[in-house]
Amino acid sequence: MLIAFVDAESELGAALATRTASEVAPVPAATVTEWRTQLGEPTTLTASRVEPWVTRTLICHRRPPSIDHRVKRVLRDLPNRLAESEAVSLDAVAASVRLSPSRFLHLFTTSVGVPLRPYVLWLRLQCGARELARGRSVADAACAAGFSDAAHFTRTFHRMLGATPRQVLSRGLAARDFHVTD
């Protein structure tokens, strides 16, 4: 199993969007076999091997993302807002780019592909997953990600990723050899 957090506005996010027919899409067995051959054994993977492969295999034919400049600004600012516990309500975010909430929500959803609230939840899950990968406890990861408690974090993690944080950690699926970025 591979769980990857891919920002919709990143080069990889744009490239993956062109390769899949929907938000959840199985990778054909022949493609998986080809990728495994190119990457080698999973236990020996490092960022220095994966990053060139991603560039060579996934990003080579990407379409340029068409994201409204105000949405881009919000996407850049959201991680900082979350880290500083600033308001991330629709009203507050829309006001920060001088748009009405309804207009901003339309632009955001059109540009990113999901409404603001699920996107913010996804960012918070990413933060929690990074903290887990760094070796923090589920409770500490939940707190760092802005969840009210470990139970809420665990339920949300399971609902969105199909496994609990402890299941992911016990299977050794946390990023070990990869550079964890903020």
N, C-alpha and C. Protein backbone atom coordinates (compact mmCIF):
# COMPACT_ATOMS: atom_id res chain seq x y z
N MET A 1 0.85 -1.17 0.00
CA MET A 1 0.00 0.00 0.00
C MET A 1 0.89 1.23 0.00
N LEU A 2 0.48 2.23 -0.72
CA LEU A 2 1.19 3.49 -0.79
C LEU A 2 0.21 4.59 -0.44
N ILE A 3 0.58 5.39 0.54
CA ILE A 3 -0.21 6.57 0.88
C ILE A 3 0.69 7.76 0.61
N ALA A 4 0.23 8.66 -0.23
CA ALA A 4 1.02 9.83 -0.57
C ALA A 4 0.17 11.08 -0.40
N PHE A 5 0.75 12.09 0.19
CA PHE A 5 0.07 13.37 0.31
C PHE A 5 0.58 14.24 -0.83
N VAL A 6 -0.30 14.59 -1.73
CA VAL A 6 0.10 15.37 -2.89
C VAL A 6 -0.75 16.63 -2.93
N ASP A 7 -0.07 17.76 -2.90
CA ASP A 7 -0.75 19.05 -2.96
C ASP A 7 -1.33 19.24 -4.35
N ALA A 8 -2.58 19.61 -4.44
CA ALA A 8 -3.27 19.76 -5.73
C ALA A 8 -2.60 20.79 -6.62
N GLU A 9 -1.97 21.81 -6.04
CA GLU A 9 -1.35 22.85 -6.86
C GLU A 9 0.09 22.54 -7.22
N SER A 10 0.65 21.47 -6.71
CA SER A 10 2.03 21.12 -7.03
C SER A 10 2.14 20.55 -8.44
N GLU A 11 3.37 20.47 -8.93
CA GLU A 11 3.59 19.87 -10.25
C GLU A 11 3.10 18.43 -10.26
N LEU A 12 3.40 17.69 -9.19
CA LEU A 12 2.99 16.29 -9.13
C LEU A 12 1.46 16.19 -9.08
N GLY A 13 0.81 17.06 -8.31
CA GLY A 13 -0.65 17.05 -8.23
C GLY A 13 -1.28 17.29 -9.59
N ALA A 14 -0.76 18.26 -10.33
CA ALA A 14 -1.29 18.54 -11.67
C ALA A 14 -1.04 17.37 -12.60
N ALA A 15 0.14 16.75 -12.50
CA ALA A 15 0.46 15.61 -13.36
C ALA A 15 -0.43 14.42 -13.05
N LEU A 16 -0.65 14.14 -11.78
CA LEU A 16 -1.50 13.01 -11.41
C LEU A 16 -2.94 13.24 -11.85
N ALA A 17 -3.39 14.48 -11.79
CA ALA A 17 -4.76 14.79 -12.21
C ALA A 17 -4.99 14.46 -13.68
N THR A 18 -3.95 14.58 -14.49
CA THR A 18 -4.09 14.26 -15.91
C THR A 18 -4.06 12.76 -16.17
N ARG A 19 -3.55 11.98 -15.21
CA ARG A 19 -3.40 10.53 -15.40
C ARG A 19 -4.57 9.73 -14.85
N THR A 20 -5.45 10.36 -14.08
CA THR A 20 -6.54 9.62 -13.45
C THR A 20 -7.89 10.16 -13.91
N ALA A 21 -8.86 9.25 -13.95
CA ALA A 21 -10.20 9.62 -14.40
C ALA A 21 -11.05 10.18 -13.26
N SER A 22 -10.66 9.90 -12.02
CA SER A 22 -11.43 10.39 -10.87
C SER A 22 -10.48 10.59 -9.70
N GLU A 23 -11.02 11.09 -8.58
CA GLU A 23 -10.18 11.35 -7.42
C GLU A 23 -9.58 10.08 -6.83
N VAL A 24 -10.29 8.97 -6.93
CA VAL A 24 -9.78 7.68 -6.47
C VAL A 24 -9.77 6.76 -7.68
N ALA A 25 -8.56 6.34 -8.06
CA ALA A 25 -8.44 5.52 -9.27
C ALA A 25 -7.39 4.45 -9.04
N PRO A 26 -7.72 3.20 -9.35
CA PRO A 26 -6.71 2.14 -9.21
C PRO A 26 -5.64 2.29 -10.29
N VAL A 27 -4.43 1.89 -9.95
CA VAL A 27 -3.35 1.90 -10.92
C VAL A 27 -3.34 0.52 -11.57
N PRO A 28 -3.38 0.44 -12.89
CA PRO A 28 -3.39 -0.87 -13.56
C PRO A 28 -2.19 -1.73 -13.15
N ALA A 29 -2.40 -3.04 -13.07
CA ALA A 29 -1.36 -3.97 -12.63
C ALA A 29 -0.09 -3.84 -13.47
N ALA A 30 -0.23 -3.68 -14.77
CA ALA A 30 0.95 -3.55 -15.64
C ALA A 30 1.76 -2.30 -15.29
N THR A 31 1.07 -1.21 -14.95
CA THR A 31 1.76 0.02 -14.56
C THR A 31 2.48 -0.17 -13.23
N VAL A 32 1.83 -0.85 -12.28
CA VAL A 32 2.45 -1.12 -10.98
C VAL A 32 3.73 -1.95 -11.19
N THR A 33 3.65 -2.97 -12.02
CA THR A 33 4.82 -3.82 -12.30
C THR A 33 5.94 -2.99 -12.91
N GLU A 34 5.60 -2.13 -13.86
CA GLU A 34 6.60 -1.28 -14.50
C GLU A 34 7.25 -0.34 -13.48
N TRP A 35 6.43 0.29 -12.63
CA TRP A 35 6.96 1.21 -11.63
C TRP A 35 7.85 0.47 -10.63
N ARG A 36 7.44 -0.73 -10.22
CA ARG A 36 8.25 -1.51 -9.28
C ARG A 36 9.61 -1.84 -9.89
N THR A 37 9.62 -2.18 -11.15
CA THR A 37 10.88 -2.48 -11.84
C THR A 37 11.77 -1.24 -11.88
N GLN A 38 11.18 -0.10 -12.18
CA GLN A 38 11.95 1.14 -12.26
C GLN A 38 12.49 1.58 -10.91
N LEU A 39 11.69 1.38 -9.86
CA LEU A 39 12.09 1.86 -8.53
C LEU A 39 12.92 0.86 -7.73
N GLY A 40 12.77 -0.41 -7.97
CA GLY A 40 13.51 -1.40 -7.21
C GLY A 40 12.76 -1.80 -5.95
N GLU A 41 13.47 -2.44 -5.06
CA GLU A 41 12.88 -2.95 -3.82
C GLU A 41 12.36 -1.83 -2.93
N PRO A 42 11.14 -1.97 -2.39
CA PRO A 42 10.57 -0.93 -1.52
C PRO A 42 11.41 -0.66 -0.28
N THR A 43 12.08 -1.68 0.23
CA THR A 43 12.86 -1.50 1.46
C THR A 43 14.12 -0.68 1.23
N THR A 44 14.51 -0.48 -0.02
CA THR A 44 15.74 0.28 -0.30
C THR A 44 15.45 1.64 -0.91
N LEU A 45 14.19 2.04 -0.95
CA LEU A 45 13.84 3.32 -1.56
C LEU A 45 14.32 4.49 -0.71
N THR A 46 14.87 5.47 -1.38
CA THR A 46 15.26 6.72 -0.74
C THR A 46 14.76 7.87 -1.61
N ALA A 47 14.71 9.04 -1.02
CA ALA A 47 14.25 10.21 -1.77
C ALA A 47 15.13 10.46 -2.98
N SER A 48 16.41 10.17 -2.87
CA SER A 48 17.32 10.42 -4.00
C SER A 48 17.01 9.52 -5.19
N ARG A 49 16.33 8.40 -4.97
CA ARG A 49 15.91 7.53 -6.06
C ARG A 49 14.49 7.84 -6.50
N VAL A 50 13.63 8.21 -5.58
CA VAL A 50 12.22 8.43 -5.90
C VAL A 50 12.00 9.75 -6.63
N GLU A 51 12.65 10.82 -6.18
CA GLU A 51 12.41 12.14 -6.78
C GLU A 51 12.72 12.18 -8.27
N PRO A 52 13.86 11.65 -8.74
CA PRO A 52 14.09 11.65 -10.19
C PRO A 52 13.07 10.78 -10.94
N TRP A 53 12.66 9.69 -10.32
CA TRP A 53 11.65 8.82 -10.95
C TRP A 53 10.33 9.56 -11.11
N VAL A 54 9.91 10.28 -10.07
CA VAL A 54 8.66 11.04 -10.14
C VAL A 54 8.75 12.06 -11.27
N THR A 55 9.87 12.77 -11.36
CA THR A 55 10.05 13.77 -12.40
C THR A 55 10.03 13.13 -13.79
N ARG A 56 10.74 12.03 -13.94
CA ARG A 56 10.87 11.35 -15.23
C ARG A 56 9.58 10.65 -15.66
N THR A 57 8.85 10.10 -14.68
CA THR A 57 7.70 9.25 -15.00
C THR A 57 6.36 9.97 -14.91
N LEU A 58 6.18 10.77 -13.89
CA LEU A 58 4.86 11.36 -13.65
C LEU A 58 4.72 12.81 -14.09
N ILE A 59 5.77 13.59 -13.96
CA ILE A 59 5.65 15.02 -14.22
C ILE A 59 5.98 15.38 -15.67
N CYS A 60 6.54 14.46 -16.42
CA CYS A 60 7.04 14.78 -17.75
C CYS A 60 5.95 15.30 -18.71
N HIS A 61 4.70 14.91 -18.55
CA HIS A 61 3.64 15.33 -19.47
C HIS A 61 2.52 16.08 -18.75
N ARG A 62 2.87 16.88 -17.80
CA ARG A 62 1.83 17.52 -17.01
C ARG A 62 1.19 18.70 -17.73
N ARG A 63 -0.04 18.98 -17.34
CA ARG A 63 -0.73 20.16 -17.85
C ARG A 63 -0.51 21.29 -16.85
N PRO A 64 -0.40 22.52 -17.32
CA PRO A 64 -0.22 23.62 -16.36
C PRO A 64 -1.50 23.82 -15.55
N PRO A 65 -1.36 23.97 -14.23
CA PRO A 65 -2.56 24.16 -13.42
C PRO A 65 -3.18 25.53 -13.70
N SER A 66 -4.50 25.59 -13.69
CA SER A 66 -5.20 26.86 -13.88
C SER A 66 -5.88 27.23 -12.58
N ILE A 67 -5.13 27.94 -11.76
CA ILE A 67 -5.61 28.31 -10.44
C ILE A 67 -5.65 29.83 -10.35
N ASP A 68 -6.79 30.35 -9.98
CA ASP A 68 -6.97 31.78 -9.81
C ASP A 68 -5.90 32.34 -8.87
N HIS A 69 -5.38 33.54 -9.17
CA HIS A 69 -4.29 34.11 -8.38
C HIS A 69 -4.67 34.32 -6.91
N ARG A 70 -5.93 34.62 -6.64
CA ARG A 70 -6.35 34.81 -5.24
C ARG A 70 -6.40 33.47 -4.51
N VAL A 71 -6.79 32.44 -5.22
CA VAL A 71 -6.79 31.10 -4.63
C VAL A 71 -5.35 30.66 -4.37
N LYS A 72 -4.44 30.96 -5.30
CA LYS A 72 -3.02 30.63 -5.09
C LYS A 72 -2.50 31.28 -3.81
N ARG A 73 -2.88 32.54 -3.61
CA ARG A 73 -2.43 33.25 -2.41
C ARG A 73 -2.95 32.56 -1.15
N VAL A 74 -4.22 32.16 -1.19
CA VAL A 74 -4.80 31.46 -0.03
C VAL A 74 -4.10 30.12 0.17
N LEU A 75 -3.84 29.39 -0.91
CA LEU A 75 -3.16 28.10 -0.80
C LEU A 75 -1.76 28.25 -0.19
N ARG A 76 -1.09 29.33 -0.54
CA ARG A 76 0.23 29.60 0.07
C ARG A 76 0.11 29.95 1.55
N ASP A 77 -0.96 30.69 1.90
CA ASP A 77 -1.11 31.19 3.27
C ASP A 77 -1.75 30.19 4.23
N LEU A 78 -2.53 29.24 3.72
CA LEU A 78 -3.27 28.32 4.61
C LEU A 78 -2.36 27.56 5.58
N PRO A 79 -1.25 26.97 5.15
CA PRO A 79 -0.41 26.26 6.12
C PRO A 79 0.07 27.17 7.27
N ASN A 80 0.39 28.42 6.96
CA ASN A 80 0.80 29.36 8.01
C ASN A 80 -0.36 29.70 8.94
N ARG A 81 -1.54 29.90 8.37
CA ARG A 81 -2.73 30.17 9.19
C ARG A 81 -2.98 29.02 10.16
N LEU A 82 -2.87 27.80 9.64
CA LEU A 82 -3.09 26.63 10.50
C LEU A 82 -2.02 26.53 11.58
N ALA A 83 -0.77 26.76 11.21
CA ALA A 83 0.34 26.67 12.16
C ALA A 83 0.21 27.71 13.27
N GLU A 84 -0.33 28.87 12.92
CA GLU A 84 -0.46 29.95 13.89
C GLU A 84 -1.86 30.00 14.52
N SER A 85 -2.67 28.98 14.24
CA SER A 85 -4.03 28.87 14.77
C SER A 85 -4.89 30.08 14.42
N GLU A 86 -4.65 30.66 13.24
CA GLU A 86 -5.49 31.76 12.77
C GLU A 86 -6.80 31.21 12.24
N ALA A 87 -7.75 32.10 12.06
CA ALA A 87 -9.06 31.69 11.55
C ALA A 87 -8.95 31.17 10.13
N VAL A 88 -9.53 30.02 9.90
CA VAL A 88 -9.56 29.45 8.55
C VAL A 88 -11.01 29.23 8.10
N SER A 89 -11.90 30.00 8.67
CA SER A 89 -13.30 29.91 8.24
C SER A 89 -13.42 30.48 6.84
N LEU A 90 -14.46 30.09 6.15
CA LEU A 90 -14.71 30.59 4.80
C LEU A 90 -14.77 32.11 4.80
N ASP A 91 -15.47 32.69 5.77
CA ASP A 91 -15.60 34.15 5.82
C ASP A 91 -14.25 34.83 5.98
N ALA A 92 -13.41 34.32 6.90
CA ALA A 92 -12.10 34.93 7.16
C ALA A 92 -11.18 34.79 5.95
N VAL A 93 -11.17 33.63 5.34
CA VAL A 93 -10.29 33.41 4.20
C VAL A 93 -10.74 34.23 3.00
N ALA A 94 -12.04 34.27 2.75
CA ALA A 94 -12.56 35.06 1.63
C ALA A 94 -12.25 36.54 1.84
N ALA A 95 -12.41 37.02 3.06
CA ALA A 95 -12.11 38.42 3.36
C ALA A 95 -10.64 38.73 3.13
N SER A 96 -9.76 37.77 3.37
CA SER A 96 -8.33 38.01 3.21
C SER A 96 -7.94 38.27 1.75
N VAL A 97 -8.77 37.85 0.81
CA VAL A 97 -8.52 38.11 -0.61
C VAL A 97 -9.60 39.01 -1.21
N ARG A 98 -10.37 39.65 -0.32
CA ARG A 98 -11.38 40.65 -0.70
C ARG A 98 -12.43 40.11 -1.68
N LEU A 99 -12.94 38.92 -1.35
CA LEU A 99 -14.03 38.33 -2.13
C LEU A 99 -15.16 37.98 -1.18
N SER A 100 -16.35 37.88 -1.72
CA SER A 100 -17.46 37.40 -0.91
C SER A 100 -17.23 35.91 -0.66
N PRO A 101 -17.77 35.39 0.44
CA PRO A 101 -17.59 33.95 0.71
C PRO A 101 -18.10 33.07 -0.43
N SER A 102 -19.24 33.41 -1.02
CA SER A 102 -19.78 32.55 -2.09
C SER A 102 -18.89 32.59 -3.33
N ARG A 103 -18.39 33.78 -3.70
CA ARG A 103 -17.52 33.89 -4.87
C ARG A 103 -16.20 33.16 -4.61
N PHE A 104 -15.63 33.36 -3.43
CA PHE A 104 -14.37 32.69 -3.11
C PHE A 104 -14.55 31.16 -3.13
N LEU A 105 -15.63 30.67 -2.52
CA LEU A 105 -15.84 29.22 -2.49
C LEU A 105 -15.96 28.66 -3.91
N HIS A 106 -16.64 29.39 -4.79
CA HIS A 106 -16.76 28.95 -6.19
C HIS A 106 -15.37 28.90 -6.84
N LEU A 107 -14.60 29.98 -6.70
CA LEU A 107 -13.26 30.01 -7.30
C LEU A 107 -12.36 28.92 -6.72
N PHE A 108 -12.40 28.75 -5.40
CA PHE A 108 -11.56 27.76 -4.75
C PHE A 108 -11.91 26.35 -5.23
N THR A 109 -13.19 26.03 -5.22
CA THR A 109 -13.63 24.69 -5.62
C THR A 109 -13.30 24.43 -7.08
N THR A 110 -13.48 25.41 -7.94
CA THR A 110 -13.16 25.26 -9.36
C THR A 110 -11.66 25.08 -9.56
N SER A 111 -10.86 25.85 -8.84
CA SER A 111 -9.41 25.80 -9.00
C SER A 111 -8.77 24.55 -8.40
N VAL A 112 -9.22 24.17 -7.22
CA VAL A 112 -8.56 23.09 -6.47
C VAL A 112 -9.26 21.75 -6.67
N GLY A 113 -10.55 21.79 -6.89
CA GLY A 113 -11.29 20.55 -7.11
C GLY A 113 -12.07 20.08 -5.90
N VAL A 114 -11.87 20.71 -4.76
CA VAL A 114 -12.62 20.40 -3.54
C VAL A 114 -12.95 21.72 -2.84
N PRO A 115 -14.01 21.76 -2.06
CA PRO A 115 -14.32 22.96 -1.29
C PRO A 115 -13.26 23.23 -0.21
N LEU A 116 -13.31 24.43 0.34
CA LEU A 116 -12.30 24.85 1.32
C LEU A 116 -12.24 23.95 2.55
N ARG A 117 -13.39 23.63 3.13
CA ARG A 117 -13.39 22.88 4.39
C ARG A 117 -12.71 21.51 4.28
N PRO A 118 -13.04 20.68 3.28
CA PRO A 118 -12.32 19.41 3.16
C PRO A 118 -10.83 19.60 2.86
N TYR A 119 -10.49 20.67 2.12
CA TYR A 119 -9.08 20.94 1.84
C TYR A 119 -8.32 21.26 3.13
N VAL A 120 -8.92 22.09 3.97
CA VAL A 120 -8.28 22.43 5.25
C VAL A 120 -8.14 21.18 6.12
N LEU A 121 -9.15 20.35 6.13
CA LEU A 121 -9.07 19.10 6.89
C LEU A 121 -7.93 18.24 6.35
N TRP A 122 -7.77 18.18 5.04
CA TRP A 122 -6.69 17.42 4.42
C TRP A 122 -5.32 17.98 4.84
N LEU A 123 -5.19 19.31 4.88
CA LEU A 123 -3.94 19.92 5.33
C LEU A 123 -3.64 19.54 6.77
N ARG A 124 -4.68 19.54 7.60
CA ARG A 124 -4.48 19.18 9.01
C ARG A 124 -4.07 17.71 9.14
N LEU A 125 -4.67 16.84 8.32
CA LEU A 125 -4.27 15.43 8.32
C LEU A 125 -2.81 15.28 7.88
N GLN A 126 -2.40 16.04 6.87
CA GLN A 126 -1.01 16.00 6.43
C GLN A 126 -0.07 16.38 7.57
N CYS A 127 -0.43 17.42 8.27
CA CYS A 127 0.38 17.86 9.41
C CYS A 127 0.49 16.75 10.45
N GLY A 128 -0.64 16.15 10.77
CA GLY A 128 -0.63 15.05 11.75
C GLY A 128 0.20 13.87 11.27
N ALA A 129 0.09 13.54 9.99
CA ALA A 129 0.88 12.43 9.43
C ALA A 129 2.37 12.74 9.47
N ARG A 130 2.74 13.99 9.18
CA ARG A 130 4.16 14.39 9.28
C ARG A 130 4.67 14.20 10.69
N GLU A 131 3.84 14.60 11.65
CA GLU A 131 4.26 14.46 13.05
C GLU A 131 4.41 12.99 13.43
N LEU A 132 3.50 12.14 12.96
CA LEU A 132 3.62 10.70 13.21
C LEU A 132 4.90 10.16 12.59
N ALA A 133 5.21 10.59 11.36
CA ALA A 133 6.41 10.13 10.67
C ALA A 133 7.68 10.58 11.39
N ARG A 134 7.58 11.67 12.13
CA ARG A 134 8.72 12.16 12.91
C ARG A 134 8.85 11.45 14.25
N GLY A 135 7.91 10.52 14.53
CA GLY A 135 8.01 9.74 15.75
C GLY A 135 7.17 10.24 16.91
N ARG A 136 6.33 11.23 16.70
CA ARG A 136 5.49 11.74 17.78
C ARG A 136 4.32 10.79 18.02
N SER A 137 3.77 10.84 19.21
CA SER A 137 2.63 10.00 19.56
C SER A 137 1.39 10.48 18.81
N VAL A 138 0.37 9.64 18.78
CA VAL A 138 -0.88 10.00 18.12
C VAL A 138 -1.48 11.24 18.80
N ALA A 139 -1.45 11.29 20.11
CA ALA A 139 -2.01 12.44 20.84
C ALA A 139 -1.24 13.72 20.50
N ASP A 140 0.09 13.64 20.46
CA ASP A 140 0.89 14.82 20.12
C ASP A 140 0.67 15.25 18.67
N ALA A 141 0.57 14.28 17.77
CA ALA A 141 0.32 14.58 16.36
C ALA A 141 -1.05 15.24 16.19
N ALA A 142 -2.04 14.74 16.92
CA ALA A 142 -3.39 15.31 16.86
C ALA A 142 -3.38 16.76 17.32
N CYS A 143 -2.70 17.01 18.41
CA CYS A 143 -2.61 18.36 18.96
C CYS A 143 -1.88 19.29 17.99
N ALA A 144 -0.77 18.84 17.44
CA ALA A 144 0.00 19.65 16.49
C ALA A 144 -0.81 19.97 15.24
N ALA A 145 -1.69 19.07 14.86
CA ALA A 145 -2.50 19.26 13.65
C ALA A 145 -3.78 20.05 13.91
N GLY A 146 -4.04 20.39 15.15
CA GLY A 146 -5.21 21.21 15.45
C GLY A 146 -6.49 20.44 15.70
N PHE A 147 -6.38 19.13 15.94
CA PHE A 147 -7.57 18.34 16.27
C PHE A 147 -7.85 18.49 17.75
N SER A 148 -9.12 18.36 18.14
CA SER A 148 -9.50 18.56 19.53
C SER A 148 -8.92 17.48 20.44
N ASP A 149 -8.76 16.27 19.91
CA ASP A 149 -8.17 15.19 20.70
C ASP A 149 -7.72 14.06 19.77
N ALA A 150 -7.03 13.08 20.35
CA ALA A 150 -6.50 11.96 19.56
C ALA A 150 -7.62 11.14 18.92
N ALA A 151 -8.75 11.01 19.61
CA ALA A 151 -9.86 10.22 19.07
C ALA A 151 -10.42 10.86 17.80
N HIS A 152 -10.59 12.18 17.82
CA HIS A 152 -11.09 12.89 16.64
C HIS A 152 -10.10 12.74 15.48
N PHE A 153 -8.81 12.89 15.76
CA PHE A 153 -7.77 12.73 14.75
C PHE A 153 -7.81 11.31 14.17
N THR A 154 -7.92 10.32 15.05
CA THR A 154 -7.93 8.92 14.61
C THR A 154 -9.15 8.62 13.74
N ARG A 155 -10.32 9.09 14.15
CA ARG A 155 -11.54 8.87 13.35
C ARG A 155 -11.41 9.51 11.97
N THR A 156 -10.93 10.73 11.93
CA THR A 156 -10.79 11.45 10.66
C THR A 156 -9.73 10.78 9.78
N PHE A 157 -8.61 10.40 10.38
CA PHE A 157 -7.54 9.72 9.67
C PHE A 157 -8.08 8.43 9.04
N HIS A 158 -8.82 7.66 9.82
CA HIS A 158 -9.37 6.40 9.33
C HIS A 158 -10.40 6.63 8.22
N ARG A 159 -11.27 7.62 8.40
CA ARG A 159 -12.30 7.90 7.40
C ARG A 159 -11.67 8.34 6.08
N MET A 160 -10.61 9.12 6.12
CA MET A 160 -10.04 9.66 4.90
C MET A 160 -8.95 8.77 4.28
N LEU A 161 -8.26 7.97 5.11
CA LEU A 161 -7.15 7.18 4.59
C LEU A 161 -7.35 5.67 4.69
N GLY A 162 -8.42 5.25 5.36
CA GLY A 162 -8.72 3.82 5.40
C GLY A 162 -7.97 3.03 6.44
N ALA A 163 -7.21 3.68 7.28
CA ALA A 163 -6.47 3.01 8.36
C ALA A 163 -6.28 4.00 9.49
N THR A 164 -6.12 3.50 10.69
CA THR A 164 -5.86 4.39 11.82
C THR A 164 -4.38 4.76 11.84
N PRO A 165 -4.02 5.83 12.53
CA PRO A 165 -2.60 6.19 12.64
C PRO A 165 -1.77 5.03 13.21
N ARG A 166 -2.27 4.36 14.23
CA ARG A 166 -1.52 3.24 14.82
C ARG A 166 -1.33 2.10 13.82
N GLN A 167 -2.36 1.82 13.00
CA GLN A 167 -2.23 0.77 11.99
C GLN A 167 -1.14 1.13 10.98
N VAL A 168 -1.13 2.38 10.57
CA VAL A 168 -0.10 2.81 9.63
C VAL A 168 1.28 2.68 10.25
N LEU A 169 1.42 3.13 11.48
CA LEU A 169 2.71 3.06 12.15
C LEU A 169 3.14 1.61 12.41
N SER A 170 2.19 0.77 12.81
CA SER A 170 2.55 -0.62 13.12
C SER A 170 2.94 -1.40 11.87
N ARG A 171 2.46 -0.98 10.73
CA ARG A 171 2.83 -1.65 9.47
C ARG A 171 4.14 -1.11 8.91
N GLY A 172 4.68 -0.12 9.58
CA GLY A 172 5.94 0.45 9.11
C GLY A 172 5.79 1.29 7.86
N LEU A 173 4.60 1.87 7.67
CA LEU A 173 4.35 2.63 6.45
C LEU A 173 4.69 4.11 6.60
N ALA A 174 5.10 4.51 7.78
CA ALA A 174 5.48 5.91 7.96
C ALA A 174 6.77 6.17 7.18
N ALA A 175 6.93 7.40 6.72
CA ALA A 175 8.12 7.74 5.92
C ALA A 175 9.37 7.62 6.78
N ARG A 176 10.21 6.66 6.44
CA ARG A 176 11.43 6.45 7.20
C ARG A 176 12.61 7.10 6.52
N ASP A 177 12.86 6.79 5.28
CA ASP A 177 14.04 7.26 4.58
C ASP A 177 13.80 8.51 3.78
N PHE A 178 12.59 9.02 3.81
CA PHE A 178 12.26 10.15 2.99
C PHE A 178 12.34 11.43 3.78
N HIS A 179 12.72 12.48 3.07
CA HIS A 179 12.78 13.80 3.68
C HIS A 179 11.35 14.29 3.96
N VAL A 180 11.08 14.66 5.19
CA VAL A 180 9.76 15.15 5.56
C VAL A 180 9.79 16.66 5.44
N THR A 181 8.93 17.22 4.58
CA THR A 181 8.90 18.65 4.36
C THR A 181 7.68 19.28 5.00
N ASP A 182 7.76 20.53 5.27
CA ASP A 182 6.61 21.27 5.82
C ASP A 182 5.86 21.99 4.76
